[in-house]
Amino acid sequence: MDPILYLLLGHYLGDYGMQSDETAGNKRNSIVVLTRHVVTYTLSIAAVLLIYYLVETPAQFAWEFMGVSLLVIFVIHWIQDYSKLHLLPDTKQTYYFDQVMHVAVLYFFRVIAYKTGYIS
């Protein structure tokens, strides 16, 4: 199965399924709440990646690649959410743009993983 499906599941869980109403409502007002959300998001991506590697390619697991990828995903997601909450207007277009950018980042890492041989 294509790893992007796992990543999309992780994205959904981290951005929606594991985000409480309190977190969703307070991300704009608190850097701590925003950071907690992004940690949860990143952990959900880590969990689905771990499942992907265990189910699909157990012999190819690469801790270094996964660690660096998760760190970069964390930083980019934090910057994207901060920008959406503080620099961009609160519109449907901003929401859709934010979601497209989150998925684009995950797709980028999928492409890099294929190109570097971490996924075959």
PDB file of N, CA and C in Angstrom:
ATOM      1  N   MET A   1       0.853  -1.180   0.000  1.00  0.00           N
ATOM      2  CA  MET A   1       0.000   0.000   0.000  1.00  0.00           C
ATOM      3  C   MET A   1       0.895   1.238   0.000  1.00  0.00           C
ATOM      4  N   ASP A   2       0.486   2.227  -0.715  1.00  0.00           N
ATOM      5  CA  ASP A   2       1.265   3.453  -0.830  1.00  0.00           C
ATOM      6  C   ASP A   2       1.354   4.154   0.526  1.00  0.00           C
ATOM      7  N   PRO A   3       2.563   4.592   0.907  1.00  0.00           N
ATOM      8  CA  PRO A   3       2.721   5.254   2.208  1.00  0.00           C
ATOM      9  C   PRO A   3       1.931   6.549   2.342  1.00  0.00           C
ATOM     10  N   ILE A   4       1.559   7.174   1.218  1.00  0.00           N
ATOM     11  CA  ILE A   4       0.792   8.419   1.330  1.00  0.00           C
ATOM     12  C   ILE A   4      -0.544   8.166   2.014  1.00  0.00           C
ATOM     13  N   LEU A   5      -1.104   6.970   1.846  1.00  0.00           N
ATOM     14  CA  LEU A   5      -2.368   6.652   2.518  1.00  0.00           C
ATOM     15  C   LEU A   5      -2.175   6.602   4.031  1.00  0.00           C
ATOM     16  N   TYR A   6      -1.064   6.052   4.471  1.00  0.00           N
ATOM     17  CA  TYR A   6      -0.747   6.056   5.900  1.00  0.00           C
ATOM     18  C   TYR A   6      -0.563   7.491   6.394  1.00  0.00           C
ATOM     19  N   LEU A   7       0.171   8.285   5.608  1.00  0.00           N
ATOM     20  CA  LEU A   7       0.421   9.675   6.005  1.00  0.00           C
ATOM     21  C   LEU A   7      -0.868  10.484   6.064  1.00  0.00           C
ATOM     22  N   LEU A   8      -1.768  10.248   5.120  1.00  0.00           N
ATOM     23  CA  LEU A   8      -3.059  10.950   5.156  1.00  0.00           C
ATOM     24  C   LEU A   8      -3.865  10.547   6.386  1.00  0.00           C
ATOM     25  N   LEU A   9      -3.800   9.274   6.754  1.00  0.00           N
ATOM     26  CA  LEU A   9      -4.459   8.832   7.985  1.00  0.00           C
ATOM     27  C   LEU A   9      -3.848   9.542   9.191  1.00  0.00           C
ATOM     28  N   GLY A  10      -2.523   9.608   9.247  1.00  0.00           N
ATOM     29  CA  GLY A  10      -1.859  10.318  10.339  1.00  0.00           C
ATOM     30  C   GLY A  10      -2.227  11.785  10.368  1.00  0.00           C
ATOM     31  N   HIS A  11      -2.321  12.393   9.191  1.00  0.00           N
ATOM     32  CA  HIS A  11      -2.726  13.802   9.103  1.00  0.00           C
ATOM     33  C   HIS A  11      -4.134  13.988   9.656  1.00  0.00           C
ATOM     34  N   TYR A  12      -5.045  13.131   9.231  1.00  0.00           N
ATOM     35  CA  TYR A  12      -6.428  13.240   9.710  1.00  0.00           C
ATOM     36  C   TYR A  12      -6.492  13.060  11.228  1.00  0.00           C
ATOM     37  N   LEU A  13      -5.824  12.041  11.728  1.00  0.00           N
ATOM     38  CA  LEU A  13      -5.849  11.795  13.178  1.00  0.00           C
ATOM     39  C   LEU A  13      -5.250  12.967  13.949  1.00  0.00           C
ATOM     40  N   GLY A  14      -4.112  13.465  13.483  1.00  0.00           N
ATOM     41  CA  GLY A  14      -3.423  14.531  14.200  1.00  0.00           C
ATOM     42  C   GLY A  14      -4.084  15.887  14.099  1.00  0.00           C
ATOM     43  N   ASP A  15      -4.654  16.192  12.940  1.00  0.00           N
ATOM     44  CA  ASP A  15      -5.252  17.518  12.749  1.00  0.00           C
ATOM     45  C   ASP A  15      -6.717  17.567  13.170  1.00  0.00           C
ATOM     46  N   TYR A  16      -7.370  16.418  13.242  1.00  0.00           N
ATOM     47  CA  TYR A  16      -8.802  16.395  13.577  1.00  0.00           C
ATOM     48  C   TYR A  16      -9.124  15.423  14.710  1.00  0.00           C
ATOM     49  N   GLY A  17      -8.844  14.152  14.489  1.00  0.00           N
ATOM     50  CA  GLY A  17      -9.284  13.113  15.413  1.00  0.00           C
ATOM     51  C   GLY A  17      -8.760  13.247  16.827  1.00  0.00           C
ATOM     52  N   MET A  18      -7.522  13.703  16.979  1.00  0.00           N
ATOM     53  CA  MET A  18      -6.920  13.790  18.305  1.00  0.00           C
ATOM     54  C   MET A  18      -6.877  15.221  18.833  1.00  0.00           C
ATOM     55  N   GLN A  19      -7.527  16.131  18.153  1.00  0.00           N
ATOM     56  CA  GLN A  19      -7.539  17.530  18.577  1.00  0.00           C
ATOM     57  C   GLN A  19      -8.858  17.835  19.285  1.00  0.00           C
ATOM     58  N   SER A  20      -8.763  18.206  20.534  1.00  0.00           N
ATOM     59  CA  SER A  20      -9.972  18.523  21.300  1.00  0.00           C
ATOM     60  C   SER A  20     -10.535  19.877  20.867  1.00  0.00           C
ATOM     61  N   ASP A  21     -11.784  20.116  21.238  1.00  0.00           N
ATOM     62  CA  ASP A  21     -12.394  21.420  20.966  1.00  0.00           C
ATOM     63  C   ASP A  21     -11.619  22.529  21.669  1.00  0.00           C
ATOM     64  N   GLU A  22     -11.129  22.226  22.875  1.00  0.00           N
ATOM     65  CA  GLU A  22     -10.346  23.214  23.627  1.00  0.00           C
ATOM     66  C   GLU A  22      -9.078  23.590  22.865  1.00  0.00           C
ATOM     67  N   THR A  23      -8.375  22.587  22.359  1.00  0.00           N
ATOM     68  CA  THR A  23      -7.157  22.863  21.602  1.00  0.00           C
ATOM     69  C   THR A  23      -7.475  23.669  20.352  1.00  0.00           C
ATOM     70  N   ALA A  24      -8.481  23.240  19.616  1.00  0.00           N
ATOM     71  CA  ALA A  24      -8.858  23.951  18.389  1.00  0.00           C
ATOM     72  C   ALA A  24      -9.206  25.406  18.682  1.00  0.00           C
ATOM     73  N   GLY A  25      -9.870  25.657  19.797  1.00  0.00           N
ATOM     74  CA  GLY A  25     -10.287  27.011  20.132  1.00  0.00           C
ATOM     75  C   GLY A  25      -9.203  27.883  20.720  1.00  0.00           C
ATOM     76  N   ASN A  26      -8.154  27.264  21.272  1.00  0.00           N
ATOM     77  CA  ASN A  26      -7.133  28.047  21.976  1.00  0.00           C
ATOM     78  C   ASN A  26      -5.785  28.123  21.274  1.00  0.00           C
ATOM     79  N   LYS A  27      -5.635  27.484  20.123  1.00  0.00           N
ATOM     80  CA  LYS A  27      -4.347  27.532  19.415  1.00  0.00           C
ATOM     81  C   LYS A  27      -3.961  28.962  19.060  1.00  0.00           C
ATOM     82  N   ARG A  28      -4.950  29.770  18.730  1.00  0.00           N
ATOM     83  CA  ARG A  28      -4.678  31.158  18.340  1.00  0.00           C
ATOM     84  C   ARG A  28      -4.168  31.981  19.528  1.00  0.00           C
ATOM     85  N   ASN A  29      -4.590  31.629  20.729  1.00  0.00           N
ATOM     86  CA  ASN A  29      -4.289  32.443  21.910  1.00  0.00           C
ATOM     87  C   ASN A  29      -3.083  31.978  22.701  1.00  0.00           C
ATOM     88  N   SER A  30      -2.547  30.803  22.385  1.00  0.00           N
ATOM     89  CA  SER A  30      -1.482  30.252  23.216  1.00  0.00           C
ATOM     90  C   SER A  30      -0.472  29.474  22.378  1.00  0.00           C
ATOM     91  N   ILE A  31       0.783  29.899  22.460  1.00  0.00           N
ATOM     92  CA  ILE A  31       1.868  29.183  21.790  1.00  0.00           C
ATOM     93  C   ILE A  31       1.990  27.775  22.364  1.00  0.00           C
ATOM     94  N   VAL A  32       1.744  27.621  23.659  1.00  0.00           N
ATOM     95  CA  VAL A  32       1.830  26.305  24.304  1.00  0.00           C
ATOM     96  C   VAL A  32       0.782  25.364  23.720  1.00  0.00           C
ATOM     97  N   VAL A  33      -0.447  25.838  23.570  1.00  0.00           N
ATOM     98  CA  VAL A  33      -1.522  25.005  23.016  1.00  0.00           C
ATOM     99  C   VAL A  33      -1.215  24.668  21.558  1.00  0.00           C
ATOM    100  N   LEU A  34      -0.745  25.639  20.792  1.00  0.00           N
ATOM    101  CA  LEU A  34      -0.365  25.383  19.402  1.00  0.00           C
ATOM    102  C   LEU A  34       0.733  24.325  19.340  1.00  0.00           C
ATOM    103  N   THR A  35       1.741  24.474  20.169  1.00  0.00           N
ATOM    104  CA  THR A  35       2.851  23.520  20.179  1.00  0.00           C
ATOM    105  C   THR A  35       2.377  22.135  20.602  1.00  0.00           C
ATOM    106  N   ARG A  36       1.501  22.070  21.581  1.00  0.00           N
ATOM    107  CA  ARG A  36       0.948  20.773  22.006  1.00  0.00           C
ATOM    108  C   ARG A  36       0.197  20.114  20.844  1.00  0.00           C
ATOM    109  N   HIS A  37      -0.566  20.900  20.099  1.00  0.00           N
ATOM    110  CA  HIS A  37      -1.264  20.363  18.923  1.00  0.00           C
ATOM    111  C   HIS A  37      -0.264  19.807  17.911  1.00  0.00           C
ATOM    112  N   VAL A  38       0.803  20.546  17.639  1.00  0.00           N
ATOM    113  CA  VAL A  38       1.770  20.110  16.634  1.00  0.00           C
ATOM    114  C   VAL A  38       2.536  18.873  17.119  1.00  0.00           C
ATOM    115  N   VAL A  39       2.805  18.782  18.409  1.00  0.00           N
ATOM    116  CA  VAL A  39       3.418  17.562  18.959  1.00  0.00           C
ATOM    117  C   VAL A  39       2.485  16.377  18.735  1.00  0.00           C
ATOM    118  N   THR A  40       1.204  16.550  19.039  1.00  0.00           N
ATOM    119  CA  THR A  40       0.221  15.480  18.830  1.00  0.00           C
ATOM    120  C   THR A  40       0.152  15.099  17.358  1.00  0.00           C
ATOM    121  N   TYR A  41       0.126  16.084  16.493  1.00  0.00           N
ATOM    122  CA  TYR A  41       0.111  15.837  15.046  1.00  0.00           C
ATOM    123  C   TYR A  41       1.332  15.016  14.630  1.00  0.00           C
ATOM    124  N   THR A  42       2.502  15.449  15.079  1.00  0.00           N
ATOM    125  CA  THR A  42       3.744  14.771  14.705  1.00  0.00           C
ATOM    126  C   THR A  42       3.776  13.347  15.240  1.00  0.00           C
ATOM    127  N   LEU A  43       3.294  13.143  16.458  1.00  0.00           N
ATOM    128  CA  LEU A  43       3.244  11.787  17.015  1.00  0.00           C
ATOM    129  C   LEU A  43       2.282  10.900  16.235  1.00  0.00           C
ATOM    130  N   SER A  44       1.196  11.462  15.737  1.00  0.00           N
ATOM    131  CA  SER A  44       0.273  10.655  14.926  1.00  0.00           C
ATOM    132  C   SER A  44       0.925  10.276  13.598  1.00  0.00           C
ATOM    133  N   ILE A  45       1.690  11.178  13.017  1.00  0.00           N
ATOM    134  CA  ILE A  45       2.436  10.852  11.797  1.00  0.00           C
ATOM    135  C   ILE A  45       3.474   9.776  12.109  1.00  0.00           C
ATOM    136  N   ALA A  46       4.171   9.910  13.232  1.00  0.00           N
ATOM    137  CA  ALA A  46       5.170   8.910  13.633  1.00  0.00           C
ATOM    138  C   ALA A  46       4.533   7.538  13.810  1.00  0.00           C
ATOM    139  N   ALA A  47       3.374   7.497  14.431  1.00  0.00           N
ATOM    140  CA  ALA A  47       2.699   6.216  14.678  1.00  0.00           C
ATOM    141  C   ALA A  47       2.325   5.527  13.371  1.00  0.00           C
ATOM    142  N   VAL A  48       1.758   6.269  12.436  1.00  0.00           N
ATOM    143  CA  VAL A  48       1.365   5.625  11.175  1.00  0.00           C
ATOM    144  C   VAL A  48       2.585   5.254  10.335  1.00  0.00           C
ATOM    145  N   LEU A  49       3.658   6.032  10.425  1.00  0.00           N
ATOM    146  CA  LEU A  49       4.887   5.657   9.723  1.00  0.00           C
ATOM    147  C   LEU A  49       5.479   4.381  10.304  1.00  0.00           C
ATOM    148  N   LEU A  50       5.457   4.276  11.610  1.00  0.00           N
ATOM    149  CA  LEU A  50       5.957   3.062  12.256  1.00  0.00           C
ATOM    150  C   LEU A  50       5.127   1.855  11.822  1.00  0.00           C
ATOM    151  N   ILE A  51       3.822   2.005  11.802  1.00  0.00           N
ATOM    152  CA  ILE A  51       2.949   0.919  11.337  1.00  0.00           C
ATOM    153  C   ILE A  51       3.255   0.592   9.876  1.00  0.00           C
ATOM    154  N   TYR A  52       3.426   1.625   9.053  1.00  0.00           N
ATOM    155  CA  TYR A  52       3.770   1.389   7.644  1.00  0.00           C
ATOM    156  C   TYR A  52       5.031   0.544   7.534  1.00  0.00           C
ATOM    157  N   TYR A  53       6.080   0.962   8.224  1.00  0.00           N
ATOM    158  CA  TYR A  53       7.343   0.229   8.129  1.00  0.00           C
ATOM    159  C   TYR A  53       7.212  -1.196   8.652  1.00  0.00           C
ATOM    160  N   LEU A  54       6.489  -1.397   9.733  1.00  0.00           N
ATOM    161  CA  LEU A  54       6.329  -2.740  10.295  1.00  0.00           C
ATOM    162  C   LEU A  54       5.504  -3.643   9.386  1.00  0.00           C
ATOM    163  N   VAL A  55       4.477  -3.095   8.763  1.00  0.00           N
ATOM    164  CA  VAL A  55       3.582  -3.895   7.921  1.00  0.00           C
ATOM    165  C   VAL A  55       4.129  -4.055   6.503  1.00  0.00           C
ATOM    166  N   GLU A  56       4.601  -2.976   5.928  1.00  0.00           N
ATOM    167  CA  GLU A  56       4.943  -2.976   4.502  1.00  0.00           C
ATOM    168  C   GLU A  56       6.407  -3.300   4.208  1.00  0.00           C
ATOM    169  N   THR A  57       7.320  -2.748   4.974  1.00  0.00           N
ATOM    170  CA  THR A  57       8.750  -2.913   4.673  1.00  0.00           C
ATOM    171  C   THR A  57       9.558  -3.069   5.957  1.00  0.00           C
ATOM    172  N   PRO A  58       9.349  -4.153   6.722  1.00  0.00           N
ATOM    173  CA  PRO A  58      10.017  -4.265   8.021  1.00  0.00           C
ATOM    174  C   PRO A  58      11.540  -4.266   7.942  1.00  0.00           C
ATOM    175  N   ALA A  59      12.110  -4.713   6.839  1.00  0.00           N
ATOM    176  CA  ALA A  59      13.570  -4.770   6.737  1.00  0.00           C
ATOM    177  C   ALA A  59      14.190  -3.428   6.382  1.00  0.00           C
ATOM    178  N   GLN A  60      13.392  -2.457   5.983  1.00  0.00           N
ATOM    179  CA  GLN A  60      13.926  -1.189   5.497  1.00  0.00           C
ATOM    180  C   GLN A  60      13.819  -0.039   6.495  1.00  0.00           C
ATOM    181  N   PHE A  61      13.412  -0.299   7.702  1.00  0.00           N
ATOM    182  CA  PHE A  61      13.168   0.801   8.631  1.00  0.00           C
ATOM    183  C   PHE A  61      14.437   1.619   8.842  1.00  0.00           C
ATOM    184  N   ALA A  62      14.321   2.924   8.727  1.00  0.00           N
ATOM    185  CA  ALA A  62      15.465   3.831   8.843  1.00  0.00           C
ATOM    186  C   ALA A  62      15.170   4.872   9.913  1.00  0.00           C
ATOM    187  N   TRP A  63      15.722   4.672  11.095  1.00  0.00           N
ATOM    188  CA  TRP A  63      15.479   5.591  12.214  1.00  0.00           C
ATOM    189  C   TRP A  63      15.909   7.010  11.891  1.00  0.00           C
ATOM    190  N   GLU A  64      17.078   7.155  11.262  1.00  0.00           N
ATOM    191  CA  GLU A  64      17.599   8.499  10.998  1.00  0.00           C
ATOM    192  C   GLU A  64      16.673   9.271  10.065  1.00  0.00           C
ATOM    193  N   PHE A  65      16.258   8.618   8.980  1.00  0.00           N
ATOM    194  CA  PHE A  65      15.376   9.288   8.028  1.00  0.00           C
ATOM    195  C   PHE A  65      14.058   9.663   8.692  1.00  0.00           C
ATOM    196  N   MET A  66      13.507   8.735   9.469  1.00  0.00           N
ATOM    197  CA  MET A  66      12.232   9.008  10.134  1.00  0.00           C
ATOM    198  C   MET A  66      12.387  10.141  11.143  1.00  0.00           C
ATOM    199  N   GLY A  67      13.464  10.129  11.906  1.00  0.00           N
ATOM    200  CA  GLY A  67      13.678  11.174  12.908  1.00  0.00           C
ATOM    201  C   GLY A  67      13.812  12.554  12.293  1.00  0.00           C
ATOM    202  N   VAL A  68      14.633  12.652  11.267  1.00  0.00           N
ATOM    203  CA  VAL A  68      14.823  13.940  10.596  1.00  0.00           C
ATOM    204  C   VAL A  68      13.521  14.388   9.935  1.00  0.00           C
ATOM    205  N   SER A  69      12.829  13.459   9.284  1.00  0.00           N
ATOM    206  CA  SER A  69      11.561  13.794   8.628  1.00  0.00           C
ATOM    207  C   SER A  69      10.546  14.323   9.629  1.00  0.00           C
ATOM    208  N   LEU A  70      10.431  13.653  10.769  1.00  0.00           N
ATOM    209  CA  LEU A  70       9.459  14.084  11.782  1.00  0.00           C
ATOM    210  C   LEU A  70       9.815  15.450  12.351  1.00  0.00           C
ATOM    211  N   LEU A  71      11.097  15.699  12.546  1.00  0.00           N
ATOM    212  CA  LEU A  71      11.517  17.009  13.048  1.00  0.00           C
ATOM    213  C   LEU A  71      11.150  18.110  12.048  1.00  0.00           C
ATOM    214  N   VAL A  72      11.423  17.865  10.779  1.00  0.00           N
ATOM    215  CA  VAL A  72      11.104  18.863   9.751  1.00  0.00           C
ATOM    216  C   VAL A  72       9.589  19.033   9.623  1.00  0.00           C
ATOM    217  N   ILE A  73       8.844  17.927   9.655  1.00  0.00           N
ATOM    218  CA  ILE A  73       7.381  18.005   9.597  1.00  0.00           C
ATOM    219  C   ILE A  73       6.854  18.805  10.780  1.00  0.00           C
ATOM    220  N   PHE A  74       7.414  18.588  11.974  1.00  0.00           N
ATOM    221  CA  PHE A  74       7.002  19.346  13.160  1.00  0.00           C
ATOM    222  C   PHE A  74       7.202  20.845  12.933  1.00  0.00           C
ATOM    223  N   VAL A  75       8.394  21.219  12.508  1.00  0.00           N
ATOM    224  CA  VAL A  75       8.717  22.641  12.328  1.00  0.00           C
ATOM    225  C   VAL A  75       7.824  23.269  11.253  1.00  0.00           C
ATOM    226  N   ILE A  76       7.680  22.592  10.125  1.00  0.00           N
ATOM    227  CA  ILE A  76       6.858  23.145   9.042  1.00  0.00           C
ATOM    228  C   ILE A  76       5.401  23.253   9.471  1.00  0.00           C
ATOM    229  N   HIS A  77       4.886  22.222  10.136  1.00  0.00           N
ATOM    230  CA  HIS A  77       3.484  22.260  10.568  1.00  0.00           C
ATOM    231  C   HIS A  77       3.265  23.404  11.565  1.00  0.00           C
ATOM    232  N   TRP A  78       4.213  23.603  12.474  1.00  0.00           N
ATOM    233  CA  TRP A  78       4.091  24.686  13.456  1.00  0.00           C
ATOM    234  C   TRP A  78       4.053  26.042  12.738  1.00  0.00           C
ATOM    235  N   ILE A  79       4.974  26.231  11.805  1.00  0.00           N
ATOM    236  CA  ILE A  79       5.022  27.498  11.062  1.00  0.00           C
ATOM    237  C   ILE A  79       3.735  27.701  10.259  1.00  0.00           C
ATOM    238  N   GLN A  80       3.260  26.637   9.607  1.00  0.00           N
ATOM    239  CA  GLN A  80       2.027  26.753   8.823  1.00  0.00           C
ATOM    240  C   GLN A  80       0.842  27.123   9.708  1.00  0.00           C
ATOM    241  N   ASP A  81       0.692  26.427  10.832  1.00  0.00           N
ATOM    242  CA  ASP A  81      -0.449  26.721  11.704  1.00  0.00           C
ATOM    243  C   ASP A  81      -0.328  28.098  12.338  1.00  0.00           C
ATOM    244  N   TYR A  82       0.866  28.475  12.754  1.00  0.00           N
ATOM    245  CA  TYR A  82       1.057  29.810  13.326  1.00  0.00           C
ATOM    246  C   TYR A  82       0.691  30.872  12.285  1.00  0.00           C
ATOM    247  N   SER A  83       1.165  30.683  11.059  1.00  0.00           N
ATOM    248  CA  SER A  83       0.867  31.643   9.988  1.00  0.00           C
ATOM    249  C   SER A  83      -0.624  31.718   9.720  1.00  0.00           C
ATOM    250  N   LYS A  84      -1.277  30.552   9.673  1.00  0.00           N
ATOM    251  CA  LYS A  84      -2.721  30.539   9.425  1.00  0.00           C
ATOM    252  C   LYS A  84      -3.461  31.282  10.532  1.00  0.00           C
ATOM    253  N   LEU A  85      -3.028  31.108  11.765  1.00  0.00           N
ATOM    254  CA  LEU A  85      -3.737  31.693  12.903  1.00  0.00           C
ATOM    255  C   LEU A  85      -3.428  33.169  13.120  1.00  0.00           C
ATOM    256  N   HIS A  86      -2.223  33.612  12.727  1.00  0.00           N
ATOM    257  CA  HIS A  86      -1.801  34.971  13.089  1.00  0.00           C
ATOM    258  C   HIS A  86      -1.497  35.893  11.908  1.00  0.00           C
ATOM    259  N   LEU A  87      -1.261  35.338  10.741  1.00  0.00           N
ATOM    260  CA  LEU A  87      -0.842  36.182   9.628  1.00  0.00           C
ATOM    261  C   LEU A  87      -1.833  36.218   8.471  1.00  0.00           C
ATOM    262  N   LEU A  88      -2.719  35.242   8.409  1.00  0.00           N
ATOM    263  CA  LEU A  88      -3.652  35.141   7.290  1.00  0.00           C
ATOM    264  C   LEU A  88      -5.078  35.387   7.762  1.00  0.00           C
ATOM    265  N   PRO A  89      -5.951  35.843   6.871  1.00  0.00           N
ATOM    266  CA  PRO A  89      -7.348  36.055   7.269  1.00  0.00           C
ATOM    267  C   PRO A  89      -8.027  34.717   7.574  1.00  0.00           C
ATOM    268  N   ASP A  90      -8.990  34.744   8.464  1.00  0.00           N
ATOM    269  CA  ASP A  90      -9.719  33.541   8.863  1.00  0.00           C
ATOM    270  C   ASP A  90     -10.855  33.296   7.873  1.00  0.00           C
ATOM    271  N   THR A  91     -10.510  32.654   6.738  1.00  0.00           N
ATOM    272  CA  THR A  91     -11.486  32.393   5.684  1.00  0.00           C
ATOM    273  C   THR A  91     -11.447  30.918   5.298  1.00  0.00           C
ATOM    274  N   LYS A  92     -12.443  30.491   4.544  1.00  0.00           N
ATOM    275  CA  LYS A  92     -12.446  29.112   4.034  1.00  0.00           C
ATOM    276  C   LYS A  92     -11.256  28.882   3.113  1.00  0.00           C
ATOM    277  N   GLN A  93     -10.905  29.892   2.330  1.00  0.00           N
ATOM    278  CA  GLN A  93      -9.772  29.758   1.424  1.00  0.00           C
ATOM    279  C   GLN A  93      -8.482  29.516   2.203  1.00  0.00           C
ATOM    280  N   THR A  94      -8.308  30.218   3.310  1.00  0.00           N
ATOM    281  CA  THR A  94      -7.128  30.013   4.146  1.00  0.00           C
ATOM    282  C   THR A  94      -7.119  28.604   4.714  1.00  0.00           C
ATOM    283  N   TYR A  95      -8.273  28.139   5.175  1.00  0.00           N
ATOM    284  CA  TYR A  95      -8.383  26.783   5.710  1.00  0.00           C
ATOM    285  C   TYR A  95      -7.992  25.754   4.652  1.00  0.00           C
ATOM    286  N   TYR A  96      -8.548  25.871   3.445  1.00  0.00           N
ATOM    287  CA  TYR A  96      -8.247  24.911   2.378  1.00  0.00           C
ATOM    288  C   TYR A  96      -6.780  24.988   1.967  1.00  0.00           C
ATOM    289  N   PHE A  97      -6.252  26.195   1.873  1.00  0.00           N
ATOM    290  CA  PHE A  97      -4.838  26.364   1.544  1.00  0.00           C
ATOM    291  C   PHE A  97      -3.966  25.686   2.596  1.00  0.00           C
ATOM    292  N   ASP A  98      -4.307  25.867   3.862  1.00  0.00           N
ATOM    293  CA  ASP A  98      -3.564  25.250   4.960  1.00  0.00           C
ATOM    294  C   ASP A  98      -3.565  23.727   4.823  1.00  0.00           C
ATOM    295  N   GLN A  99      -4.720  23.152   4.545  1.00  0.00           N
ATOM    296  CA  GLN A  99      -4.814  21.696   4.414  1.00  0.00           C
ATOM    297  C   GLN A  99      -4.025  21.192   3.201  1.00  0.00           C
ATOM    298  N   VAL A 100      -4.112  21.906   2.094  1.00  0.00           N
ATOM    299  CA  VAL A 100      -3.349  21.518   0.905  1.00  0.00           C
ATOM    300  C   VAL A 100      -1.852  21.563   1.201  1.00  0.00           C
ATOM    301  N   MET A 101      -1.411  22.576   1.914  1.00  0.00           N
ATOM    302  CA  MET A 101       0.011  22.685   2.244  1.00  0.00           C
ATOM    303  C   MET A 101       0.457  21.556   3.174  1.00  0.00           C
ATOM    304  N   HIS A 102      -0.363  21.195   4.156  1.00  0.00           N
ATOM    305  CA  HIS A 102      -0.017  20.076   5.043  1.00  0.00           C
ATOM    306  C   HIS A 102       0.151  18.791   4.241  1.00  0.00           C
ATOM    307  N   VAL A 103      -0.784  18.522   3.348  1.00  0.00           N
ATOM    308  CA  VAL A 103      -0.715  17.303   2.534  1.00  0.00           C
ATOM    309  C   VAL A 103       0.471  17.377   1.565  1.00  0.00           C
ATOM    310  N   ALA A 104       0.754  18.548   1.019  1.00  0.00           N
ATOM    311  CA  ALA A 104       1.895  18.707   0.109  1.00  0.00           C
ATOM    312  C   ALA A 104       3.208  18.387   0.813  1.00  0.00           C
ATOM    313  N   VAL A 105       3.343  18.803   2.059  1.00  0.00           N
ATOM    314  CA  VAL A 105       4.554  18.495   2.830  1.00  0.00           C
ATOM    315  C   VAL A 105       4.695  16.984   2.994  1.00  0.00           C
ATOM    316  N   LEU A 106       3.609  16.311   3.334  1.00  0.00           N
ATOM    317  CA  LEU A 106       3.660  14.858   3.494  1.00  0.00           C
ATOM    318  C   LEU A 106       3.993  14.180   2.166  1.00  0.00           C
ATOM    319  N   TYR A 107       3.413  14.656   1.084  1.00  0.00           N
ATOM    320  CA  TYR A 107       3.705  14.093  -0.235  1.00  0.00           C
ATOM    321  C   TYR A 107       5.175  14.308  -0.594  1.00  0.00           C
ATOM    322  N   PHE A 108       5.710  15.468  -0.275  1.00  0.00           N
ATOM    323  CA  PHE A 108       7.124  15.761  -0.514  1.00  0.00           C
ATOM    324  C   PHE A 108       8.003  14.724   0.183  1.00  0.00           C
ATOM    325  N   PHE A 109       7.690  14.403   1.439  1.00  0.00           N
ATOM    326  CA  PHE A 109       8.500  13.417   2.157  1.00  0.00           C
ATOM    327  C   PHE A 109       8.333  12.021   1.569  1.00  0.00           C
ATOM    328  N   ARG A 110       7.170  11.716   1.054  1.00  0.00           N
ATOM    329  CA  ARG A 110       6.970  10.437   0.372  1.00  0.00           C
ATOM    330  C   ARG A 110       7.869  10.360  -0.854  1.00  0.00           C
ATOM    331  N   VAL A 111       7.915  11.426  -1.645  1.00  0.00           N
ATOM    332  CA  VAL A 111       8.764  11.454  -2.840  1.00  0.00           C
ATOM    333  C   VAL A 111      10.233  11.321  -2.452  1.00  0.00           C
ATOM    334  N   ILE A 112      10.660  12.056  -1.443  1.00  0.00           N
ATOM    335  CA  ILE A 112      12.052  11.972  -0.987  1.00  0.00           C
ATOM    336  C   ILE A 112      12.374  10.554  -0.532  1.00  0.00           C
ATOM    337  N   ALA A 113      11.463   9.927   0.196  1.00  0.00           N
ATOM    338  CA  ALA A 113      11.694   8.559   0.679  1.00  0.00           C
ATOM    339  C   ALA A 113      11.863   7.593  -0.492  1.00  0.00           C
ATOM    340  N   TYR A 114      11.078   7.751  -1.543  1.00  0.00           N
ATOM    341  CA  TYR A 114      11.235   6.906  -2.735  1.00  0.00           C
ATOM    342  C   TYR A 114      12.567   7.184  -3.432  1.00  0.00           C
ATOM    343  N   LYS A 115      12.865   8.451  -3.627  1.00  0.00           N
ATOM    344  CA  LYS A 115      14.081   8.819  -4.357  1.00  0.00           C
ATOM    345  C   LYS A 115      15.350   8.375  -3.636  1.00  0.00           C
ATOM    346  N   THR A 116      15.319   8.367  -2.313  1.00  0.00           N
ATOM    347  CA  THR A 116      16.506   7.993  -1.544  1.00  0.00           C
ATOM    348  C   THR A 116      16.545   6.513  -1.196  1.00  0.00           C
ATOM    349  N   GLY A 117      15.513   5.772  -1.569  1.00  0.00           N
ATOM    350  CA  GLY A 117      15.509   4.335  -1.338  1.00  0.00           C
ATOM    351  C   GLY A 117      14.994   3.890   0.016  1.00  0.00           C
ATOM    352  N   TYR A 118      14.448   4.817   0.807  1.00  0.00           N
ATOM    353  CA  TYR A 118      13.898   4.424   2.105  1.00  0.00           C
ATOM    354  C   TYR A 118      12.566   3.704   1.954  1.00  0.00           C
ATOM    355  N   ILE A 119      11.919   3.899   0.809  1.00  0.00           N
ATOM    356  CA  ILE A 119      10.694   3.179   0.471  1.00  0.00           C
ATOM    357  C   ILE A 119      10.895   2.651  -0.941  1.00  0.00           C
ATOM    358  N   SER A 120      10.533   1.402  -1.152  1.00  0.00           N
ATOM    359  CA  SER A 120      10.697   0.852  -2.506  1.00  0.00           C
ATOM    360  C   SER A 120       9.352   0.519  -3.119  1.00  0.00           C
TER     361      SER A 120
END
